[in-house]
């Protein structure tokens, strides 16, 4: 059986500081859209509240602190169109959320 530790501290409305045995991260957002930044990279989550439908995108950290400084840093892999696709998905989900809230 593994023991886990996690503590979430509200810093401001919509901003949390997350502490765990594996490190520290920050979460910004609220219902529908959250962004979490930590040592493992950035995780963006979009969801339609109350539906269980969500989309998550994980971006690895841009630097590789485990590599010695004497070795050249590898170039990050470029994925053409992934940013545009992510922005389009975010805009569609925001539109759906706005329309759903206007119907209530």
PDB file of N, CA and C in Angstrom:
ATOM      1  N   UNK A   1       0.846  -1.173   0.000  1.00  0.00           N
ATOM      2  CA  UNK A   1       0.000   0.000   0.000  1.00  0.00           C
ATOM      3  C   UNK A   1       0.895   1.241   0.000  1.00  0.00           C
ATOM      4  N   UNK A   2       0.635   2.162  -0.914  1.00  0.00           N
ATOM      5  CA  UNK A   2       1.419   3.394  -1.008  1.00  0.00           C
ATOM      6  C   UNK A   2       0.753   4.508  -0.214  1.00  0.00           C
ATOM      7  N   UNK A   3       1.561   5.345   0.375  1.00  0.00           N
ATOM      8  CA  UNK A   3       1.052   6.499   1.103  1.00  0.00           C
ATOM      9  C   UNK A   3       1.200   7.713   0.204  1.00  0.00           C
ATOM     10  N   UNK A   4       0.142   8.482   0.087  1.00  0.00           N
ATOM     11  CA  UNK A   4       0.162   9.672  -0.749  1.00  0.00           C
ATOM     12  C   UNK A   4      -0.030  10.907   0.111  1.00  0.00           C
ATOM     13  N   UNK A   5       0.508  12.021  -0.392  1.00  0.00           N
ATOM     14  CA  UNK A   5       0.332  13.294   0.278  1.00  0.00           C
ATOM     15  C   UNK A   5      -0.017  14.334  -0.769  1.00  0.00           C
ATOM     16  N   UNK A   6      -1.073  15.093  -0.508  1.00  0.00           N
ATOM     17  CA  UNK A   6      -1.450  16.184  -1.408  1.00  0.00           C
ATOM     18  C   UNK A   6      -2.165  17.248  -0.598  1.00  0.00           C
ATOM     19  N   UNK A   7      -1.739  18.470  -0.765  1.00  0.00           N
ATOM     20  CA  UNK A   7      -2.367  19.600  -0.093  1.00  0.00           C
ATOM     21  C   UNK A   7      -2.594  20.690  -1.119  1.00  0.00           C
ATOM     22  N   UNK A   8      -3.801  21.208  -1.177  1.00  0.00           N
ATOM     23  CA  UNK A   8      -4.166  22.260  -2.125  1.00  0.00           C
ATOM     24  C   UNK A   8      -4.519  23.509  -1.329  1.00  0.00           C
ATOM     25  N   UNK A   9      -3.795  24.607  -1.586  1.00  0.00           N
ATOM     26  CA  UNK A   9      -3.987  25.846  -0.848  1.00  0.00           C
ATOM     27  C   UNK A   9      -4.504  26.909  -1.805  1.00  0.00           C
ATOM     28  N   UNK A  10      -5.648  27.515  -1.455  1.00  0.00           N
ATOM     29  CA  UNK A  10      -6.212  28.576  -2.291  1.00  0.00           C
ATOM     30  C   UNK A  10      -5.453  29.864  -2.012  1.00  0.00           C
ATOM     31  N   UNK A  11      -4.827  30.426  -3.056  1.00  0.00           N
ATOM     32  CA  UNK A  11      -4.042  31.650  -2.931  1.00  0.00           C
ATOM     33  C   UNK A  11      -4.929  32.866  -3.213  1.00  0.00           C
ATOM     34  N   UNK A  12      -5.651  32.835  -4.305  1.00  0.00           N
ATOM     35  CA  UNK A  12      -6.598  33.862  -4.745  1.00  0.00           C
ATOM     36  C   UNK A  12      -7.782  33.138  -5.366  1.00  0.00           C
ATOM     37  N   UNK A  13      -8.880  33.839  -5.609  1.00  0.00           N
ATOM     38  CA  UNK A  13      -9.971  33.165  -6.331  1.00  0.00           C
ATOM     39  C   UNK A  13      -9.475  32.664  -7.688  1.00  0.00           C
ATOM     40  N   UNK A  14      -9.591  31.381  -7.912  1.00  0.00           N
ATOM     41  CA  UNK A  14      -9.153  30.786  -9.168  1.00  0.00           C
ATOM     42  C   UNK A  14      -7.683  30.425  -9.246  1.00  0.00           C
ATOM     43  N   UNK A  15      -6.932  30.585  -8.126  1.00  0.00           N
ATOM     44  CA  UNK A  15      -5.497  30.264  -8.120  1.00  0.00           C
ATOM     45  C   UNK A  15      -5.196  29.382  -6.908  1.00  0.00           C
ATOM     46  N   UNK A  16      -4.590  28.212  -7.160  1.00  0.00           N
ATOM     47  CA  UNK A  16      -4.248  27.282  -6.093  1.00  0.00           C
ATOM     48  C   UNK A  16      -2.784  26.898  -6.159  1.00  0.00           C
ATOM     49  N   UNK A  17      -2.225  26.650  -5.003  1.00  0.00           N
ATOM     50  CA  UNK A  17      -0.873  26.128  -4.875  1.00  0.00           C
ATOM     51  C   UNK A  17      -1.029  24.682  -4.434  1.00  0.00           C
ATOM     52  N   UNK A  18      -0.456  23.751  -5.190  1.00  0.00           N
ATOM     53  CA  UNK A  18      -0.591  22.322  -4.914  1.00  0.00           C
ATOM     54  C   UNK A  18       0.729  21.779  -4.384  1.00  0.00           C
ATOM     55  N   UNK A  19       0.685  21.143  -3.214  1.00  0.00           N
ATOM     56  CA  UNK A  19       1.871  20.547  -2.610  1.00  0.00           C
ATOM     57  C   UNK A  19       1.673  19.043  -2.534  1.00  0.00           C
ATOM     58  N   UNK A  20       2.712  18.300  -2.919  1.00  0.00           N
ATOM     59  CA  UNK A  20       2.665  16.848  -2.793  1.00  0.00           C
ATOM     60  C   UNK A  20       4.075  16.356  -2.523  1.00  0.00           C
ATOM     61  N   UNK A  21       4.208  15.060  -2.241  1.00  0.00           N
ATOM     62  CA  UNK A  21       5.549  14.546  -1.976  1.00  0.00           C
ATOM     63  C   UNK A  21       6.431  14.573  -3.220  1.00  0.00           C
ATOM     64  N   UNK A  22       5.816  14.686  -4.413  1.00  0.00           N
ATOM     65  CA  UNK A  22       6.618  14.735  -5.642  1.00  0.00           C
ATOM     66  C   UNK A  22       6.952  16.159  -6.081  1.00  0.00           C
ATOM     67  N   UNK A  23       6.395  17.174  -5.420  1.00  0.00           N
ATOM     68  CA  UNK A  23       6.768  18.530  -5.789  1.00  0.00           C
ATOM     69  C   UNK A  23       5.673  19.554  -5.594  1.00  0.00           C
ATOM     70  N   UNK A  24       5.857  20.679  -6.255  1.00  0.00           N
ATOM     71  CA  UNK A  24       4.991  21.836  -6.137  1.00  0.00           C
ATOM     72  C   UNK A  24       4.444  22.190  -7.512  1.00  0.00           C
ATOM     73  N   UNK A  25       3.168  22.590  -7.586  1.00  0.00           N
ATOM     74  CA  UNK A  25       2.600  23.058  -8.843  1.00  0.00           C
ATOM     75  C   UNK A  25       1.583  24.145  -8.544  1.00  0.00           C
ATOM     76  N   UNK A  26       1.165  24.831  -9.592  1.00  0.00           N
ATOM     77  CA  UNK A  26       0.183  25.901  -9.477  1.00  0.00           C
ATOM     78  C   UNK A  26      -0.940  25.630 -10.456  1.00  0.00           C
ATOM     79  N   UNK A  27      -2.177  25.824  -9.995  1.00  0.00           N
ATOM     80  CA  UNK A  27      -3.343  25.660 -10.845  1.00  0.00           C
ATOM     81  C   UNK A  27      -4.073  26.987 -10.932  1.00  0.00           C
ATOM     82  N   UNK A  28      -4.451  27.362 -12.163  1.00  0.00           N
ATOM     83  CA  UNK A  28      -5.193  28.591 -12.402  1.00  0.00           C
ATOM     84  C   UNK A  28      -6.424  28.224 -13.217  1.00  0.00           C
ATOM     85  N   UNK A  29      -7.574  28.777 -12.845  1.00  0.00           N
ATOM     86  CA  UNK A  29      -8.789  28.539 -13.615  1.00  0.00           C
ATOM     87  C   UNK A  29      -9.975  28.292 -12.723  1.00  0.00           C
ATOM     88  N   UNK A  30     -10.991  27.760 -13.317  1.00  0.00           N
ATOM     89  CA  UNK A  30     -12.219  27.483 -12.596  1.00  0.00           C
ATOM     90  C   UNK A  30     -13.043  26.482 -13.372  1.00  0.00           C
ATOM     91  N   UNK A  31     -14.361  26.577 -13.202  1.00  0.00           N
ATOM     92  CA  UNK A  31     -15.241  25.647 -13.908  1.00  0.00           C
ATOM     93  C   UNK A  31     -15.065  25.816 -15.411  1.00  0.00           C
ATOM     94  N   UNK A  32     -14.764  24.755 -16.075  1.00  0.00           N
ATOM     95  CA  UNK A  32     -14.639  24.781 -17.530  1.00  0.00           C
ATOM     96  C   UNK A  32     -13.221  24.800 -18.059  1.00  0.00           C
ATOM     97  N   UNK A  33     -12.337  25.589 -17.435  1.00  0.00           N
ATOM     98  CA  UNK A  33     -10.972  25.714 -17.952  1.00  0.00           C
ATOM     99  C   UNK A  33      -9.997  25.798 -16.784  1.00  0.00           C
ATOM    100  N   UNK A  34      -8.985  24.910 -16.764  1.00  0.00           N
ATOM    101  CA  UNK A  34      -7.913  24.999 -15.769  1.00  0.00           C
ATOM    102  C   UNK A  34      -6.574  24.753 -16.446  1.00  0.00           C
ATOM    103  N   UNK A  35      -5.550  25.400 -15.911  1.00  0.00           N
ATOM    104  CA  UNK A  35      -4.186  25.205 -16.381  1.00  0.00           C
ATOM    105  C   UNK A  35      -3.332  24.917 -15.156  1.00  0.00           C
ATOM    106  N   UNK A  36      -2.582  23.818 -15.197  1.00  0.00           N
ATOM    107  CA  UNK A  36      -1.711  23.429 -14.102  1.00  0.00           C
ATOM    108  C   UNK A  36      -0.275  23.449 -14.600  1.00  0.00           C
ATOM    109  N   UNK A  37       0.592  24.161 -13.862  1.00  0.00           N
ATOM    110  CA  UNK A  37       1.997  24.273 -14.231  1.00  0.00           C
ATOM    111  C   UNK A  37       2.833  23.696 -13.101  1.00  0.00           C
ATOM    112  N   UNK A  38       3.681  22.727 -13.442  1.00  0.00           N
ATOM    113  CA  UNK A  38       4.552  22.094 -12.467  1.00  0.00           C
ATOM    114  C   UNK A  38       5.835  21.632 -13.121  1.00  0.00           C
ATOM    115  N   UNK A  39       6.626  20.864 -12.368  1.00  0.00           N
ATOM    116  CA  UNK A  39       7.926  20.432 -12.885  1.00  0.00           C
ATOM    117  C   UNK A  39       7.798  19.468 -14.065  1.00  0.00           C
ATOM    118  N   UNK A  40       6.669  18.791 -14.196  1.00  0.00           N
ATOM    119  CA  UNK A  40       6.465  17.855 -15.295  1.00  0.00           C
ATOM    120  C   UNK A  40       5.898  18.517 -16.543  1.00  0.00           C
ATOM    121  N   UNK A  41       5.686  19.834 -16.501  1.00  0.00           N
ATOM    122  CA  UNK A  41       5.174  20.545 -17.660  1.00  0.00           C
ATOM    123  C   UNK A  41       3.868  21.246 -17.354  1.00  0.00           C
ATOM    124  N   UNK A  42       3.120  21.536 -18.410  1.00  0.00           N
ATOM    125  CA  UNK A  42       1.855  22.251 -18.293  1.00  0.00           C
ATOM    126  C   UNK A  42       0.728  21.350 -18.761  1.00  0.00           C
ATOM    127  N   UNK A  43      -0.336  21.296 -17.978  1.00  0.00           N
ATOM    128  CA  UNK A  43      -1.509  20.511 -18.335  1.00  0.00           C
ATOM    129  C   UNK A  43      -2.702  21.457 -18.409  1.00  0.00           C
ATOM    130  N   UNK A  44      -3.325  21.545 -19.582  1.00  0.00           N
ATOM    131  CA  UNK A  44      -4.514  22.368 -19.792  1.00  0.00           C
ATOM    132  C   UNK A  44      -5.711  21.446 -19.898  1.00  0.00           C
ATOM    133  N   UNK A  45      -6.759  21.757 -19.144  1.00  0.00           N
ATOM    134  CA  UNK A  45      -7.960  20.932 -19.167  1.00  0.00           C
ATOM    135  C   UNK A  45      -9.166  21.805 -19.459  1.00  0.00           C
ATOM    136  N   UNK A  46      -9.938  21.397 -20.434  1.00  0.00           N
ATOM    137  CA  UNK A  46     -11.185  22.062 -20.795  1.00  0.00           C
ATOM    138  C   UNK A  46     -12.308  21.074 -20.581  1.00  0.00           C
ATOM    139  N   UNK A  47     -13.392  21.522 -19.949  1.00  0.00           N
ATOM    140  CA  UNK A  47     -14.513  20.616 -19.771  1.00  0.00           C
ATOM    141  C   UNK A  47     -15.823  21.370 -19.839  1.00  0.00           C
ATOM    142  N   UNK A  48     -16.862  20.634 -20.087  1.00  0.00           N
ATOM    143  CA  UNK A  48     -18.206  21.190 -20.065  1.00  0.00           C
ATOM    144  C   UNK A  48     -18.797  20.750 -18.731  1.00  0.00           C
ATOM    145  N   UNK A  49     -18.937  21.698 -17.782  1.00  0.00           N
ATOM    146  CA  UNK A  49     -19.393  21.338 -16.436  1.00  0.00           C
ATOM    147  C   UNK A  49     -20.716  20.582 -16.454  1.00  0.00           C
ATOM    148  N   UNK A  50     -20.770  19.542 -15.646  1.00  0.00           N
ATOM    149  CA  UNK A  50     -21.983  18.758 -15.502  1.00  0.00           C
ATOM    150  C   UNK A  50     -22.181  17.682 -16.547  1.00  0.00           C
ATOM    151  N   UNK A  51     -21.289  17.595 -17.536  1.00  0.00           N
ATOM    152  CA  UNK A  51     -21.476  16.610 -18.602  1.00  0.00           C
ATOM    153  C   UNK A  51     -20.501  15.449 -18.522  1.00  0.00           C
ATOM    154  N   UNK A  52     -19.355  15.659 -17.894  1.00  0.00           N
ATOM    155  CA  UNK A  52     -18.320  14.639 -17.878  1.00  0.00           C
ATOM    156  C   UNK A  52     -17.454  14.658 -19.127  1.00  0.00           C
ATOM    157  N   UNK A  53     -17.707  15.599 -20.042  1.00  0.00           N
ATOM    158  CA  UNK A  53     -16.939  15.715 -21.271  1.00  0.00           C
ATOM    159  C   UNK A  53     -15.770  16.662 -21.025  1.00  0.00           C
ATOM    160  N   UNK A  54     -14.550  16.207 -21.329  1.00  0.00           N
ATOM    161  CA  UNK A  54     -13.388  17.064 -21.124  1.00  0.00           C
ATOM    162  C   UNK A  54     -12.305  16.761 -22.152  1.00  0.00           C
ATOM    163  N   UNK A  55     -11.379  17.704 -22.271  1.00  0.00           N
ATOM    164  CA  UNK A  55     -10.226  17.567 -23.147  1.00  0.00           C
ATOM    165  C   UNK A  55      -9.005  18.015 -22.360  1.00  0.00           C
ATOM    166  N   UNK A  56      -7.939  17.218 -22.374  1.00  0.00           N
ATOM    167  CA  UNK A  56      -6.714  17.549 -21.654  1.00  0.00           C
ATOM    168  C   UNK A  56      -5.545  17.538 -22.624  1.00  0.00           C
ATOM    169  N   UNK A  57      -4.685  18.555 -22.493  1.00  0.00           N
ATOM    170  CA  UNK A  57      -3.479  18.642 -23.310  1.00  0.00           C
ATOM    171  C   UNK A  57      -2.291  18.807 -22.376  1.00  0.00           C
ATOM    172  N   UNK A  58      -1.264  17.989 -22.551  1.00  0.00           N
ATOM    173  CA  UNK A  58      -0.065  18.058 -21.708  1.00  0.00           C
ATOM    174  C   UNK A  58       1.117  18.503 -22.551  1.00  0.00           C
ATOM    175  N   UNK A  59       1.812  19.541 -22.086  1.00  0.00           N
ATOM    176  CA  UNK A  59       3.034  20.012 -22.749  1.00  0.00           C
ATOM    177  C   UNK A  59       4.200  19.733 -21.829  1.00  0.00           C
ATOM    178  N   UNK A  60       5.181  19.010 -22.322  1.00  0.00           N
ATOM    179  CA  UNK A  60       6.360  18.695 -21.517  1.00  0.00           C
ATOM    180  C   UNK A  60       7.166  19.966 -21.265  1.00  0.00           C
ATOM    181  N   UNK A  61       7.952  19.984 -20.190  1.00  0.00           N
ATOM    182  CA  UNK A  61       8.777  21.167 -19.929  1.00  0.00           C
ATOM    183  C   UNK A  61       9.757  21.408 -21.070  1.00  0.00           C
ATOM    184  N   UNK A  62      10.063  22.679 -21.334  1.00  0.00           N
ATOM    185  CA  UNK A  62      10.931  23.009 -22.465  1.00  0.00           C
ATOM    186  C   UNK A  62      12.398  22.762 -22.162  1.00  0.00           C
ATOM    187  N   UNK A  63      12.772  22.766 -20.897  1.00  0.00           N
ATOM    188  CA  UNK A  63      14.170  22.525 -20.540  1.00  0.00           C
ATOM    189  C   UNK A  63      14.311  21.113 -19.980  1.00  0.00           C
ATOM    190  N   UNK A  64      15.510  20.574 -20.081  1.00  0.00           N
ATOM    191  CA  UNK A  64      15.799  19.239 -19.563  1.00  0.00           C
ATOM    192  C   UNK A  64      16.841  19.356 -18.463  1.00  0.00           C
ATOM    193  N   UNK A  65      16.408  19.622 -17.209  1.00  0.00           N
ATOM    194  CA  UNK A  65      17.382  19.835 -16.145  1.00  0.00           C
ATOM    195  C   UNK A  65      18.219  18.602 -15.817  1.00  0.00           C
ATOM    196  N   UNK A  66      17.794  17.417 -16.247  1.00  0.00           N
ATOM    197  CA  UNK A  66      18.563  16.216 -15.942  1.00  0.00           C
ATOM    198  C   UNK A  66      19.792  16.064 -16.840  1.00  0.00           C
ATOM    199  N   UNK A  67      19.851  16.833 -17.954  1.00  0.00           N
ATOM    200  CA  UNK A  67      21.001  16.747 -18.849  1.00  0.00           C
ATOM    201  C   UNK A  67      22.131  17.641 -18.342  1.00  0.00           C
ATOM    202  N   UNK A  68      23.364  17.182 -18.406  1.00  0.00           N
ATOM    203  CA  UNK A  68      24.481  18.044 -18.005  1.00  0.00           C
ATOM    204  C   UNK A  68      24.569  19.268 -18.911  1.00  0.00           C
ATOM    205  N   UNK A  69      25.044  20.387 -18.372  1.00  0.00           N
ATOM    206  CA  UNK A  69      25.127  21.621 -19.137  1.00  0.00           C
ATOM    207  C   UNK A  69      26.137  21.548 -20.276  1.00  0.00           C
ATOM    208  N   UNK A  70      27.117  20.613 -20.200  1.00  0.00           N
ATOM    209  CA  UNK A  70      28.132  20.528 -21.246  1.00  0.00           C
ATOM    210  C   UNK A  70      27.577  19.931 -22.541  1.00  0.00           C
ATOM    211  N   UNK A  71      26.468  19.196 -22.466  1.00  0.00           N
ATOM    212  CA  UNK A  71      25.883  18.607 -23.661  1.00  0.00           C
ATOM    213  C   UNK A  71      24.905  19.599 -24.287  1.00  0.00           C
ATOM    214  N   UNK A  72      24.833  19.649 -25.615  1.00  0.00           N
ATOM    215  CA  UNK A  72      23.859  20.541 -26.247  1.00  0.00           C
ATOM    216  C   UNK A  72      22.432  20.078 -25.949  1.00  0.00           C
ATOM    217  N   UNK A  73      21.554  21.043 -25.740  1.00  0.00           N
ATOM    218  CA  UNK A  73      20.153  20.732 -25.476  1.00  0.00           C
ATOM    219  C   UNK A  73      19.472  20.313 -26.771  1.00  0.00           C
ATOM    220  N   UNK A  74      18.694  19.231 -26.755  1.00  0.00           N
ATOM    221  CA  UNK A  74      17.994  18.826 -27.969  1.00  0.00           C
ATOM    222  C   UNK A  74      16.885  19.825 -28.301  1.00  0.00           C
ATOM    223  N   UNK A  75      16.632  19.977 -29.586  1.00  0.00           N
ATOM    224  CA  UNK A  75      15.552  20.848 -30.023  1.00  0.00           C
ATOM    225  C   UNK A  75      14.228  20.168 -29.707  1.00  0.00           C
ATOM    226  N   UNK A  76      13.246  20.915 -29.173  1.00  0.00           N
ATOM    227  CA  UNK A  76      11.944  20.293 -28.914  1.00  0.00           C
ATOM    228  C   UNK A  76      11.276  19.916 -30.228  1.00  0.00           C
ATOM    229  N   UNK A  77      10.539  18.822 -30.200  1.00  0.00           N
ATOM    230  CA  UNK A  77       9.835  18.375 -31.402  1.00  0.00           C
ATOM    231  C   UNK A  77       8.761  19.396 -31.756  1.00  0.00           C
ATOM    232  N   UNK A  78       8.681  19.739 -33.019  1.00  0.00           N
ATOM    233  CA  UNK A  78       7.686  20.707 -33.464  1.00  0.00           C
ATOM    234  C   UNK A  78       6.505  19.956 -34.042  1.00  0.00           C
ATOM    235  N   UNK A  79       5.366  20.294 -33.557  1.00  0.00           N
ATOM    236  CA  UNK A  79       4.144  19.710 -34.085  1.00  0.00           C
ATOM    237  C   UNK A  79       3.353  20.823 -34.736  1.00  0.00           C
ATOM    238  N   UNK A  80       3.428  20.870 -36.047  1.00  0.00           N
ATOM    239  CA  UNK A  80       2.761  21.925 -36.793  1.00  0.00           C
ATOM    240  C   UNK A  80       1.255  21.821 -36.590  1.00  0.00           C
ATOM    241  N   UNK A  81       0.644  22.936 -36.288  1.00  0.00           N
ATOM    242  CA  UNK A  81      -0.804  22.987 -36.180  1.00  0.00           C
ATOM    243  C   UNK A  81      -1.355  22.599 -34.826  1.00  0.00           C
ATOM    244  N   UNK A  82      -0.521  22.100 -33.908  1.00  0.00           N
ATOM    245  CA  UNK A  82      -1.079  21.656 -32.634  1.00  0.00           C
ATOM    246  C   UNK A  82      -1.570  22.838 -31.812  1.00  0.00           C
ATOM    247  N   UNK A  83      -0.883  23.986 -31.861  1.00  0.00           N
ATOM    248  CA  UNK A  83      -1.341  25.163 -31.137  1.00  0.00           C
ATOM    249  C   UNK A  83      -2.654  25.668 -31.715  1.00  0.00           C
ATOM    250  N   UNK A  84      -2.730  25.743 -33.028  1.00  0.00           N
ATOM    251  CA  UNK A  84      -3.958  26.201 -33.672  1.00  0.00           C
ATOM    252  C   UNK A  84      -5.116  25.255 -33.358  1.00  0.00           C
ATOM    253  N   UNK A  85      -4.851  23.965 -33.350  1.00  0.00           N
ATOM    254  CA  UNK A  85      -5.885  22.980 -33.039  1.00  0.00           C
ATOM    255  C   UNK A  85      -6.352  23.137 -31.598  1.00  0.00           C
ATOM    256  N   UNK A  86      -5.399  23.345 -30.672  1.00  0.00           N
ATOM    257  CA  UNK A  86      -5.749  23.529 -29.263  1.00  0.00           C
ATOM    258  C   UNK A  86      -6.583  24.788 -29.059  1.00  0.00           C
ATOM    259  N   UNK A  87      -6.200  25.872 -29.725  1.00  0.00           N
ATOM    260  CA  UNK A  87      -6.960  27.125 -29.606  1.00  0.00           C
ATOM    261  C   UNK A  87      -8.364  26.942 -30.163  1.00  0.00           C
ATOM    262  N   UNK A  88      -8.476  26.253 -31.283  1.00  0.00           N
ATOM    263  CA  UNK A  88      -9.797  26.013 -31.875  1.00  0.00           C
ATOM    264  C   UNK A  88     -10.675  25.186 -30.934  1.00  0.00           C
ATOM    265  N   UNK A  89     -10.106  24.173 -30.316  1.00  0.00           N
ATOM    266  CA  UNK A  89     -10.869  23.339 -29.374  1.00  0.00           C
ATOM    267  C   UNK A  89     -11.305  24.167 -28.173  1.00  0.00           C
ATOM    268  N   UNK A  90     -10.397  25.010 -27.649  1.00  0.00           N
ATOM    269  CA  UNK A  90     -10.735  25.872 -26.519  1.00  0.00           C
ATOM    270  C   UNK A  90     -11.898  26.795 -26.881  1.00  0.00           C
ATOM    271  N   UNK A  91     -11.824  27.413 -28.061  1.00  0.00           N
ATOM    272  CA  UNK A  91     -12.890  28.324 -28.483  1.00  0.00           C
ATOM    273  C   UNK A  91     -14.224  27.600 -28.652  1.00  0.00           C
ATOM    274  N   UNK A  92     -14.209  26.396 -29.212  1.00  0.00           N
ATOM    275  CA  UNK A  92     -15.442  25.628 -29.366  1.00  0.00           C
ATOM    276  C   UNK A  92     -16.036  25.266 -28.009  1.00  0.00           C
ATOM    277  N   UNK A  93     -15.202  24.849 -27.069  1.00  0.00           N
ATOM    278  CA  UNK A  93     -15.713  24.475 -25.751  1.00  0.00           C
ATOM    279  C   UNK A  93     -16.270  25.698 -25.031  1.00  0.00           C
ATOM    280  N   UNK A  94     -15.573  26.842 -25.135  1.00  0.00           N
ATOM    281  CA  UNK A  94     -16.085  28.068 -24.519  1.00  0.00           C
ATOM    282  C   UNK A  94     -17.433  28.438 -25.135  1.00  0.00           C
ATOM    283  N   UNK A  95     -17.557  28.328 -26.442  1.00  0.00           N
ATOM    284  CA  UNK A  95     -18.823  28.627 -27.118  1.00  0.00           C
ATOM    285  C   UNK A  95     -19.918  27.706 -26.615  1.00  0.00           C
ATOM    286  N   UNK A  96     -19.639  26.414 -26.488  1.00  0.00           N
ATOM    287  CA  UNK A  96     -20.624  25.453 -26.003  1.00  0.00           C
ATOM    288  C   UNK A  96     -21.040  25.790 -24.577  1.00  0.00           C
ATOM    289  N   UNK A  97     -20.063  26.125 -23.716  1.00  0.00           N
ATOM    290  CA  UNK A  97     -20.363  26.466 -22.331  1.00  0.00           C
ATOM    291  C   UNK A  97     -21.232  27.713 -22.262  1.00  0.00           C
ATOM    292  N   UNK A  98     -20.914  28.740 -23.059  1.00  0.00           N
ATOM    293  CA  UNK A  98     -21.693  29.982 -23.063  1.00  0.00           C
ATOM    294  C   UNK A  98     -23.113  29.714 -23.536  1.00  0.00           C
ATOM    295  N   UNK A  99     -23.244  28.939 -24.608  1.00  0.00           N
ATOM    296  CA  UNK A  99     -24.591  28.626 -25.111  1.00  0.00           C
ATOM    297  C   UNK A  99     -25.386  27.800 -24.113  1.00  0.00           C
ATOM    298  N   UNK A 100     -24.723  26.837 -23.473  1.00  0.00           N
ATOM    299  CA  UNK A 100     -25.413  26.000 -22.481  1.00  0.00           C
ATOM    300  C   UNK A 100     -25.871  26.827 -21.289  1.00  0.00           C
ATOM    301  N   UNK A 101     -25.028  27.784 -20.840  1.00  0.00           N
ATOM    302  CA  UNK A 101     -25.422  28.610 -19.690  1.00  0.00           C
ATOM    303  C   UNK A 101     -26.516  29.592 -20.074  1.00  0.00           C
ATOM    304  N   UNK A 102     -26.555  30.026 -21.340  1.00  0.00           N
ATOM    305  CA  UNK A 102     -27.599  30.951 -21.775  1.00  0.00           C
ATOM    306  C   UNK A 102     -28.945  30.257 -21.876  1.00  0.00           C
ATOM    307  N   UNK A 103     -28.951  28.939 -22.078  1.00  0.00           N
ATOM    308  CA  UNK A 103     -30.191  28.184 -22.199  1.00  0.00           C
ATOM    309  C   UNK A 103     -30.846  27.923 -20.858  1.00  0.00           C
ATOM    310  N   UNK A 104     -30.099  28.051 -19.770  1.00  0.00           N
ATOM    311  CA  UNK A 104     -30.668  27.768 -18.441  1.00  0.00           C
ATOM    312  C   UNK A 104     -31.348  28.947 -17.914  1.00  0.00           C
TER     313      UNK A 104
END
